[in-house]
Amino acid sequence: AGWCLQQALEKFLKAFLLAHGWKLRRMHDLATLLDDALCYEPSLEQYRAVCEKVTAFYFINRYPFVAPQDISENDVREPWDQAKPLVELLTRKTLNSSNG
């Protein structure tokens, strides 16, 4: 579930960035994507902590022998709840950018 959350946020951030003319780059670090997105929407800074936490889920899944695997439902539920407003904001701003 944590890995899926990371993948979803990555796609939402990339869609937002592409709608603003960003050139697609291969990366999975949500904080780096957030840095790029801040050029277009400074209010996204408030989501840095959740982006950093969710990025860790990607690395735990991708490199299981390097990172600990003891993730509970609550470890994912909290960032999931924190990410919902980010997804709503990115969706709204992406649609506005595409229409304008």
N, C-alpha and C. Protein backbone atom coordinates (compact mmCIF):
# COMPACT_ATOMS: atom_id res chain seq x y z
N ALA A 1 0.83 -1.20 0.00
CA ALA A 1 0.00 0.00 0.00
C ALA A 1 0.88 1.26 0.00
N GLY A 2 1.98 1.22 0.76
CA GLY A 2 2.88 2.37 0.79
C GLY A 2 3.51 2.63 -0.55
N TRP A 3 3.90 1.56 -1.23
CA TRP A 3 4.49 1.70 -2.56
C TRP A 3 3.46 2.27 -3.54
N CYS A 4 2.24 1.79 -3.47
CA CYS A 4 1.18 2.31 -4.36
C CYS A 4 0.92 3.79 -4.08
N LEU A 5 0.95 4.18 -2.82
CA LEU A 5 0.77 5.59 -2.47
C LEU A 5 1.90 6.41 -3.09
N GLN A 6 3.12 5.93 -2.99
CA GLN A 6 4.24 6.65 -3.59
C GLN A 6 4.06 6.79 -5.09
N GLN A 7 3.67 5.71 -5.73
CA GLN A 7 3.48 5.75 -7.18
C GLN A 7 2.38 6.73 -7.58
N ALA A 8 1.30 6.75 -6.82
CA ALA A 8 0.21 7.67 -7.12
C ALA A 8 0.65 9.12 -6.97
N LEU A 9 1.33 9.43 -5.87
CA LEU A 9 1.78 10.82 -5.67
C LEU A 9 2.80 11.22 -6.73
N GLU A 10 3.65 10.30 -7.10
CA GLU A 10 4.62 10.59 -8.17
C GLU A 10 3.89 10.96 -9.46
N LYS A 11 2.86 10.22 -9.80
CA LYS A 11 2.12 10.50 -11.04
C LYS A 11 1.37 11.83 -10.95
N PHE A 12 0.78 12.12 -9.80
CA PHE A 12 0.08 13.40 -9.65
C PHE A 12 1.05 14.57 -9.75
N LEU A 13 2.21 14.46 -9.11
CA LEU A 13 3.20 15.54 -9.20
C LEU A 13 3.71 15.70 -10.62
N LYS A 14 3.98 14.59 -11.29
CA LYS A 14 4.48 14.67 -12.67
C LYS A 14 3.41 15.24 -13.60
N ALA A 15 2.15 14.88 -13.41
CA ALA A 15 1.09 15.45 -14.24
C ALA A 15 0.99 16.95 -14.04
N PHE A 16 1.07 17.39 -12.79
CA PHE A 16 1.06 18.83 -12.49
C PHE A 16 2.22 19.53 -13.18
N LEU A 17 3.40 18.95 -13.06
CA LEU A 17 4.58 19.56 -13.66
C LEU A 17 4.50 19.58 -15.19
N LEU A 18 4.07 18.49 -15.78
CA LEU A 18 3.94 18.45 -17.24
C LEU A 18 2.92 19.46 -17.75
N ALA A 19 1.86 19.66 -16.99
CA ALA A 19 0.84 20.65 -17.38
C ALA A 19 1.41 22.06 -17.37
N HIS A 20 2.52 22.24 -16.64
CA HIS A 20 3.16 23.55 -16.56
C HIS A 20 4.39 23.66 -17.47
N GLY A 21 4.56 22.69 -18.36
CA GLY A 21 5.64 22.76 -19.33
C GLY A 21 6.95 22.13 -18.89
N TRP A 22 6.95 21.43 -17.78
CA TRP A 22 8.14 20.76 -17.25
C TRP A 22 8.55 19.64 -18.19
N LYS A 23 9.84 19.46 -18.37
CA LYS A 23 10.34 18.37 -19.19
C LYS A 23 10.47 17.12 -18.33
N LEU A 24 9.83 16.05 -18.76
CA LEU A 24 9.80 14.81 -18.00
C LEU A 24 11.20 14.30 -17.70
N ARG A 25 11.40 13.94 -16.43
CA ARG A 25 12.66 13.34 -15.99
C ARG A 25 12.34 12.04 -15.26
N ARG A 26 13.21 11.08 -15.41
CA ARG A 26 13.03 9.81 -14.72
C ARG A 26 13.53 9.95 -13.29
N MET A 27 12.61 9.93 -12.36
CA MET A 27 12.95 10.01 -10.94
C MET A 27 11.75 9.56 -10.12
N HIS A 28 12.03 9.19 -8.89
CA HIS A 28 10.97 8.69 -8.01
C HIS A 28 10.94 9.43 -6.68
N ASP A 29 11.85 10.34 -6.48
CA ASP A 29 11.94 11.08 -5.22
C ASP A 29 10.90 12.20 -5.21
N LEU A 30 9.91 12.05 -4.37
CA LEU A 30 8.81 13.03 -4.33
C LEU A 30 9.28 14.40 -3.87
N ALA A 31 10.27 14.46 -2.99
CA ALA A 31 10.77 15.76 -2.53
C ALA A 31 11.45 16.51 -3.67
N THR A 32 12.14 15.81 -4.53
CA THR A 32 12.77 16.44 -5.70
C THR A 32 11.70 16.94 -6.66
N LEU A 33 10.68 16.14 -6.88
CA LEU A 33 9.57 16.57 -7.74
C LEU A 33 8.87 17.78 -7.11
N LEU A 34 8.71 17.74 -5.80
CA LEU A 34 8.10 18.86 -5.10
C LEU A 34 8.93 20.13 -5.29
N ASP A 35 10.25 20.00 -5.22
CA ASP A 35 11.11 21.17 -5.44
C ASP A 35 10.82 21.80 -6.80
N ASP A 36 10.68 20.97 -7.82
CA ASP A 36 10.36 21.49 -9.15
C ASP A 36 8.97 22.12 -9.19
N ALA A 37 8.02 21.50 -8.50
CA ALA A 37 6.65 22.01 -8.50
C ALA A 37 6.51 23.34 -7.78
N LEU A 38 7.39 23.59 -6.81
CA LEU A 38 7.33 24.84 -6.06
C LEU A 38 7.53 26.07 -6.95
N CYS A 39 8.20 25.89 -8.06
CA CYS A 39 8.37 27.00 -9.02
C CYS A 39 7.02 27.50 -9.54
N TYR A 40 6.05 26.60 -9.58
CA TYR A 40 4.73 26.93 -10.12
C TYR A 40 3.68 27.16 -9.04
N GLU A 41 3.89 26.53 -7.88
CA GLU A 41 2.89 26.62 -6.80
C GLU A 41 3.60 26.54 -5.45
N PRO A 42 4.02 27.70 -4.91
CA PRO A 42 4.76 27.71 -3.65
C PRO A 42 4.01 27.11 -2.46
N SER A 43 2.70 27.09 -2.50
CA SER A 43 1.94 26.55 -1.37
C SER A 43 2.14 25.04 -1.18
N LEU A 44 2.72 24.39 -2.16
CA LEU A 44 2.97 22.95 -2.04
C LEU A 44 4.03 22.62 -0.99
N GLU A 45 4.79 23.60 -0.56
CA GLU A 45 5.85 23.37 0.44
C GLU A 45 5.30 22.69 1.70
N GLN A 46 4.06 22.97 2.04
CA GLN A 46 3.48 22.40 3.26
C GLN A 46 3.38 20.87 3.20
N TYR A 47 3.58 20.28 2.03
CA TYR A 47 3.48 18.83 1.88
C TYR A 47 4.84 18.14 1.82
N ARG A 48 5.90 18.87 2.13
CA ARG A 48 7.25 18.29 2.04
C ARG A 48 7.41 17.07 2.95
N ALA A 49 6.96 17.16 4.17
CA ALA A 49 7.16 16.05 5.12
C ALA A 49 6.47 14.77 4.63
N VAL A 50 5.26 14.90 4.12
CA VAL A 50 4.57 13.70 3.64
C VAL A 50 5.26 13.16 2.38
N CYS A 51 5.75 14.03 1.53
CA CYS A 51 6.46 13.57 0.33
C CYS A 51 7.72 12.81 0.72
N GLU A 52 8.44 13.30 1.70
CA GLU A 52 9.65 12.61 2.14
C GLU A 52 9.32 11.26 2.76
N LYS A 53 8.28 11.22 3.56
CA LYS A 53 7.89 9.96 4.21
C LYS A 53 7.43 8.94 3.17
N VAL A 54 6.63 9.38 2.22
CA VAL A 54 6.09 8.46 1.22
C VAL A 54 7.19 7.99 0.26
N THR A 55 8.16 8.82 -0.02
CA THR A 55 9.28 8.39 -0.87
C THR A 55 9.97 7.19 -0.26
N ALA A 56 10.05 7.14 1.05
CA ALA A 56 10.70 6.01 1.73
C ALA A 56 10.01 4.69 1.39
N PHE A 57 8.70 4.70 1.18
CA PHE A 57 7.99 3.47 0.82
C PHE A 57 8.49 2.90 -0.50
N TYR A 58 8.83 3.79 -1.42
CA TYR A 58 9.36 3.33 -2.72
C TYR A 58 10.67 2.57 -2.51
N PHE A 59 11.56 3.17 -1.73
CA PHE A 59 12.87 2.56 -1.54
C PHE A 59 12.78 1.28 -0.72
N ILE A 60 11.86 1.22 0.22
CA ILE A 60 11.67 -0.01 1.00
C ILE A 60 11.22 -1.14 0.08
N ASN A 61 10.32 -0.84 -0.85
CA ASN A 61 9.84 -1.85 -1.78
C ASN A 61 10.90 -2.21 -2.82
N ARG A 62 11.61 -1.21 -3.30
CA ARG A 62 12.59 -1.40 -4.37
C ARG A 62 13.87 -2.07 -3.88
N TYR A 63 14.27 -1.77 -2.67
CA TYR A 63 15.52 -2.29 -2.12
C TYR A 63 15.26 -2.94 -0.76
N PRO A 64 14.56 -4.08 -0.75
CA PRO A 64 14.12 -4.69 0.52
C PRO A 64 15.25 -5.15 1.43
N PHE A 65 16.43 -5.41 0.87
CA PHE A 65 17.53 -5.89 1.71
C PHE A 65 18.30 -4.76 2.37
N VAL A 66 18.02 -3.54 1.95
CA VAL A 66 18.71 -2.37 2.49
C VAL A 66 17.86 -1.67 3.54
N ALA A 67 16.56 -1.65 3.30
CA ALA A 67 15.64 -0.91 4.17
C ALA A 67 14.81 -1.88 4.99
N PRO A 68 14.38 -1.46 6.18
CA PRO A 68 13.54 -2.33 7.03
C PRO A 68 12.18 -2.58 6.38
N GLN A 69 11.62 -3.73 6.66
CA GLN A 69 10.36 -4.14 6.06
C GLN A 69 9.18 -4.13 7.02
N ASP A 70 9.36 -3.71 8.25
CA ASP A 70 8.31 -3.80 9.25
C ASP A 70 7.40 -2.57 9.23
N ILE A 71 6.60 -2.48 8.19
CA ILE A 71 5.68 -1.36 8.03
C ILE A 71 4.28 -1.85 8.40
N SER A 72 3.62 -1.08 9.23
CA SER A 72 2.27 -1.44 9.65
C SER A 72 1.24 -0.65 8.84
N GLU A 73 0.00 -1.04 9.00
CA GLU A 73 -1.09 -0.31 8.35
C GLU A 73 -1.09 1.15 8.79
N ASN A 74 -0.85 1.40 10.05
CA ASN A 74 -0.83 2.78 10.56
C ASN A 74 0.32 3.59 9.97
N ASP A 75 1.43 2.92 9.64
CA ASP A 75 2.55 3.62 9.02
C ASP A 75 2.17 4.18 7.66
N VAL A 76 1.22 3.55 7.00
CA VAL A 76 0.77 4.00 5.68
C VAL A 76 -0.47 4.88 5.80
N ARG A 77 -1.34 4.58 6.74
CA ARG A 77 -2.60 5.31 6.86
C ARG A 77 -2.39 6.80 7.13
N GLU A 78 -1.46 7.14 8.01
CA GLU A 78 -1.23 8.54 8.34
C GLU A 78 -0.77 9.35 7.12
N PRO A 79 0.26 8.89 6.38
CA PRO A 79 0.65 9.64 5.19
C PRO A 79 -0.46 9.65 4.12
N TRP A 80 -1.23 8.57 4.06
CA TRP A 80 -2.36 8.53 3.12
C TRP A 80 -3.32 9.67 3.41
N ASP A 81 -3.66 9.83 4.69
CA ASP A 81 -4.57 10.91 5.08
C ASP A 81 -3.96 12.28 4.82
N GLN A 82 -2.66 12.42 5.04
CA GLN A 82 -1.98 13.70 4.81
C GLN A 82 -1.85 14.00 3.32
N ALA A 83 -1.81 12.97 2.49
CA ALA A 83 -1.63 13.15 1.05
C ALA A 83 -2.92 13.52 0.33
N LYS A 84 -4.06 13.22 0.91
CA LYS A 84 -5.33 13.51 0.23
C LYS A 84 -5.48 14.97 -0.16
N PRO A 85 -5.20 15.94 0.73
CA PRO A 85 -5.31 17.34 0.31
C PRO A 85 -4.29 17.71 -0.77
N LEU A 86 -3.13 17.08 -0.74
CA LEU A 86 -2.13 17.32 -1.78
C LEU A 86 -2.66 16.87 -3.14
N VAL A 87 -3.25 15.70 -3.19
CA VAL A 87 -3.82 15.18 -4.43
C VAL A 87 -4.93 16.11 -4.94
N GLU A 88 -5.78 16.56 -4.03
CA GLU A 88 -6.86 17.47 -4.43
C GLU A 88 -6.30 18.78 -4.99
N LEU A 89 -5.29 19.33 -4.34
CA LEU A 89 -4.68 20.58 -4.82
C LEU A 89 -4.00 20.38 -6.16
N LEU A 90 -3.23 19.31 -6.30
CA LEU A 90 -2.56 19.04 -7.57
C LEU A 90 -3.57 18.84 -8.70
N THR A 91 -4.64 18.13 -8.41
CA THR A 91 -5.66 17.89 -9.43
C THR A 91 -6.29 19.21 -9.87
N ARG A 92 -6.66 20.03 -8.91
CA ARG A 92 -7.28 21.32 -9.22
C ARG A 92 -6.33 22.21 -10.02
N LYS A 93 -5.09 22.30 -9.59
CA LYS A 93 -4.12 23.16 -10.26
C LYS A 93 -3.74 22.62 -11.64
N THR A 94 -3.70 21.32 -11.79
CA THR A 94 -3.40 20.72 -13.08
C THR A 94 -4.53 20.99 -14.06
N LEU A 95 -5.75 20.80 -13.62
CA LEU A 95 -6.89 21.06 -14.50
C LEU A 95 -6.99 22.53 -14.87
N ASN A 96 -6.72 23.40 -13.91
CA ASN A 96 -6.75 24.84 -14.19
C ASN A 96 -5.67 25.21 -15.20
N SER A 97 -4.50 24.61 -15.08
CA SER A 97 -3.40 24.91 -15.99
C SER A 97 -3.71 24.40 -17.39
N SER A 98 -4.34 23.24 -17.48
CA SER A 98 -4.68 22.67 -18.78
C SER A 98 -5.79 23.45 -19.48
N ASN A 99 -6.68 24.04 -18.69
CA ASN A 99 -7.80 24.79 -19.27
C ASN A 99 -7.45 26.23 -19.56
N GLY A 100 -6.37 26.73 -18.97
CA GLY A 100 -6.08 28.14 -19.10
C GLY A 100 -4.94 28.39 -19.99
